[in-house]
Amino acid sequence: MQLMSMPAVAGISLGVAIAIIFSRKHRGKPAGERALVSLGSFLATLLALFVLNFAIFCLQQP
């Protein structure tokens, strides 16, 4: 298994944030709250993917 590149990690995180913004649950909320939710989802996904990358890196060590 190979590590994910940083642009791939950022792209996946951005895609999740965009999907959260346009989800039906967040459509009626004010723009400021939607911005905070999208930032939070971006950072949470980024952290999860970095942890996954680090785990893959650790498993590849001899």
N, C-alpha and C. Protein backbone atom coordinates (compact mmCIF):
# COMPACT_ATOMS: atom_id res chain seq x y z
N MET A 1 0.84 -1.17 0.00
CA MET A 1 0.00 0.00 0.00
C MET A 1 0.89 1.24 0.00
N GLN A 2 0.51 2.21 -0.79
CA GLN A 2 1.33 3.42 -0.90
C GLN A 2 0.70 4.57 -0.13
N LEU A 3 1.55 5.52 0.22
CA LEU A 3 1.09 6.73 0.89
C LEU A 3 0.32 7.60 -0.10
N MET A 4 -0.64 8.35 0.42
CA MET A 4 -1.36 9.30 -0.42
C MET A 4 -0.53 10.58 -0.52
N SER A 5 -0.55 11.19 -1.68
CA SER A 5 0.19 12.44 -1.84
C SER A 5 -0.56 13.57 -1.12
N MET A 6 0.16 14.62 -0.80
CA MET A 6 -0.46 15.75 -0.10
C MET A 6 -1.55 16.43 -0.93
N PRO A 7 -1.36 16.60 -2.26
CA PRO A 7 -2.47 17.17 -3.04
C PRO A 7 -3.72 16.28 -3.03
N ALA A 8 -3.53 14.96 -3.00
CA ALA A 8 -4.67 14.06 -2.93
C ALA A 8 -5.40 14.20 -1.60
N VAL A 9 -4.65 14.30 -0.52
CA VAL A 9 -5.25 14.46 0.80
C VAL A 9 -6.02 15.78 0.87
N ALA A 10 -5.42 16.86 0.37
CA ALA A 10 -6.09 18.16 0.39
C ALA A 10 -7.33 18.15 -0.51
N GLY A 11 -7.25 17.49 -1.65
CA GLY A 11 -8.39 17.43 -2.57
C GLY A 11 -9.55 16.65 -1.99
N ILE A 12 -9.26 15.53 -1.34
CA ILE A 12 -10.32 14.74 -0.72
C ILE A 12 -10.97 15.55 0.40
N SER A 13 -10.16 16.22 1.20
CA SER A 13 -10.69 17.02 2.30
C SER A 13 -11.54 18.17 1.78
N LEU A 14 -11.10 18.81 0.72
CA LEU A 14 -11.88 19.90 0.13
C LEU A 14 -13.19 19.38 -0.44
N GLY A 15 -13.15 18.22 -1.07
CA GLY A 15 -14.37 17.62 -1.60
C GLY A 15 -15.38 17.30 -0.51
N VAL A 16 -14.91 16.80 0.61
CA VAL A 16 -15.80 16.53 1.73
C VAL A 16 -16.41 17.83 2.25
N ALA A 17 -15.60 18.87 2.38
CA ALA A 17 -16.10 20.16 2.87
C ALA A 17 -17.17 20.72 1.93
N ILE A 18 -16.96 20.62 0.64
CA ILE A 18 -17.94 21.10 -0.34
C ILE A 18 -19.22 20.28 -0.27
N ALA A 19 -19.07 18.96 -0.12
CA ALA A 19 -20.26 18.11 0.00
C ALA A 19 -21.06 18.45 1.25
N ILE A 20 -20.38 18.77 2.34
CA ILE A 20 -21.07 19.14 3.57
C ILE A 20 -21.81 20.46 3.40
N ILE A 21 -21.20 21.42 2.73
CA ILE A 21 -21.85 22.73 2.53
C ILE A 21 -23.16 22.57 1.76
N PHE A 22 -23.17 21.74 0.74
CA PHE A 22 -24.34 21.61 -0.11
C PHE A 22 -25.30 20.50 0.32
N SER A 23 -25.05 19.90 1.48
CA SER A 23 -25.97 18.88 1.95
C SER A 23 -27.28 19.53 2.38
N ARG A 24 -28.32 18.78 2.35
CA ARG A 24 -29.64 19.30 2.66
C ARG A 24 -29.74 19.79 4.10
N LYS A 25 -28.99 19.17 4.99
CA LYS A 25 -29.05 19.52 6.41
C LYS A 25 -28.57 20.94 6.68
N HIS A 26 -27.62 21.46 5.89
CA HIS A 26 -27.01 22.75 6.15
C HIS A 26 -27.46 23.86 5.21
N ARG A 27 -28.43 23.61 4.36
CA ARG A 27 -28.83 24.62 3.37
C ARG A 27 -29.49 25.84 3.98
N GLY A 28 -30.29 25.68 5.03
CA GLY A 28 -31.02 26.81 5.57
C GLY A 28 -30.27 27.60 6.63
N LYS A 29 -29.08 27.20 6.94
CA LYS A 29 -28.32 27.87 8.00
C LYS A 29 -27.63 29.12 7.48
N PRO A 30 -27.31 30.05 8.38
CA PRO A 30 -26.61 31.27 7.96
C PRO A 30 -25.22 30.96 7.38
N ALA A 31 -24.71 31.89 6.60
CA ALA A 31 -23.44 31.67 5.90
C ALA A 31 -22.28 31.48 6.87
N GLY A 32 -22.29 32.20 7.98
CA GLY A 32 -21.20 32.08 8.95
C GLY A 32 -21.15 30.70 9.58
N GLU A 33 -22.33 30.17 9.90
CA GLU A 33 -22.38 28.84 10.49
C GLU A 33 -21.97 27.77 9.47
N ARG A 34 -22.41 27.95 8.23
CA ARG A 34 -22.02 27.00 7.18
C ARG A 34 -20.51 27.04 6.95
N ALA A 35 -19.91 28.22 7.04
CA ALA A 35 -18.46 28.34 6.86
C ALA A 35 -17.72 27.61 7.98
N LEU A 36 -18.21 27.75 9.20
CA LEU A 36 -17.57 27.05 10.32
C LEU A 36 -17.72 25.54 10.20
N VAL A 37 -18.88 25.09 9.77
CA VAL A 37 -19.10 23.64 9.59
C VAL A 37 -18.19 23.11 8.49
N SER A 38 -18.06 23.85 7.39
CA SER A 38 -17.21 23.38 6.30
C SER A 38 -15.74 23.38 6.70
N LEU A 39 -15.31 24.39 7.45
CA LEU A 39 -13.93 24.41 7.94
C LEU A 39 -13.67 23.26 8.89
N GLY A 40 -14.61 23.02 9.77
CA GLY A 40 -14.47 21.90 10.70
C GLY A 40 -14.42 20.56 10.00
N SER A 41 -15.26 20.35 9.01
CA SER A 41 -15.24 19.09 8.27
C SER A 41 -13.96 18.94 7.46
N PHE A 42 -13.47 20.06 6.90
CA PHE A 42 -12.20 20.03 6.17
C PHE A 42 -11.06 19.61 7.09
N LEU A 43 -10.99 20.24 8.26
CA LEU A 43 -9.90 19.94 9.19
C LEU A 43 -10.01 18.53 9.76
N ALA A 44 -11.22 18.08 10.05
CA ALA A 44 -11.41 16.72 10.58
C ALA A 44 -11.00 15.67 9.55
N THR A 45 -11.39 15.88 8.30
CA THR A 45 -11.01 14.94 7.24
C THR A 45 -9.51 14.97 7.00
N LEU A 46 -8.93 16.16 7.02
CA LEU A 46 -7.48 16.30 6.85
C LEU A 46 -6.73 15.55 7.95
N LEU A 47 -7.17 15.71 9.19
CA LEU A 47 -6.53 15.02 10.30
C LEU A 47 -6.67 13.50 10.16
N ALA A 48 -7.87 13.05 9.80
CA ALA A 48 -8.08 11.60 9.65
C ALA A 48 -7.19 11.02 8.55
N LEU A 49 -7.06 11.73 7.44
CA LEU A 49 -6.22 11.22 6.35
C LEU A 49 -4.74 11.27 6.69
N PHE A 50 -4.31 12.27 7.46
CA PHE A 50 -2.92 12.32 7.91
C PHE A 50 -2.62 11.16 8.86
N VAL A 51 -3.56 10.84 9.74
CA VAL A 51 -3.39 9.70 10.64
C VAL A 51 -3.32 8.41 9.83
N LEU A 52 -4.17 8.28 8.83
CA LEU A 52 -4.14 7.09 7.97
C LEU A 52 -2.81 6.99 7.23
N ASN A 53 -2.31 8.11 6.70
CA ASN A 53 -1.01 8.12 6.02
C ASN A 53 0.11 7.72 6.98
N PHE A 54 0.06 8.23 8.20
CA PHE A 54 1.09 7.90 9.18
C PHE A 54 1.03 6.42 9.54
N ALA A 55 -0.16 5.86 9.66
CA ALA A 55 -0.28 4.44 9.95
C ALA A 55 0.28 3.58 8.82
N ILE A 56 -0.01 3.98 7.59
CA ILE A 56 0.55 3.25 6.43
C ILE A 56 2.07 3.35 6.44
N PHE A 57 2.60 4.54 6.75
CA PHE A 57 4.03 4.73 6.80
C PHE A 57 4.68 3.84 7.86
N CYS A 58 4.04 3.78 9.03
CA CYS A 58 4.58 2.96 10.12
C CYS A 58 4.54 1.47 9.79
N LEU A 59 3.51 1.03 9.08
CA LEU A 59 3.41 -0.38 8.71
C LEU A 59 4.43 -0.77 7.65
N GLN A 60 4.90 0.18 6.86
CA GLN A 60 5.87 -0.12 5.81
C GLN A 60 7.28 -0.23 6.33
N GLN A 61 7.54 0.24 7.54
CA GLN A 61 8.89 0.19 8.10
C GLN A 61 9.26 -1.26 8.40
N PRO A 62 10.51 -1.66 8.08
CA PRO A 62 10.92 -3.06 8.31
C PRO A 62 11.13 -3.36 9.77
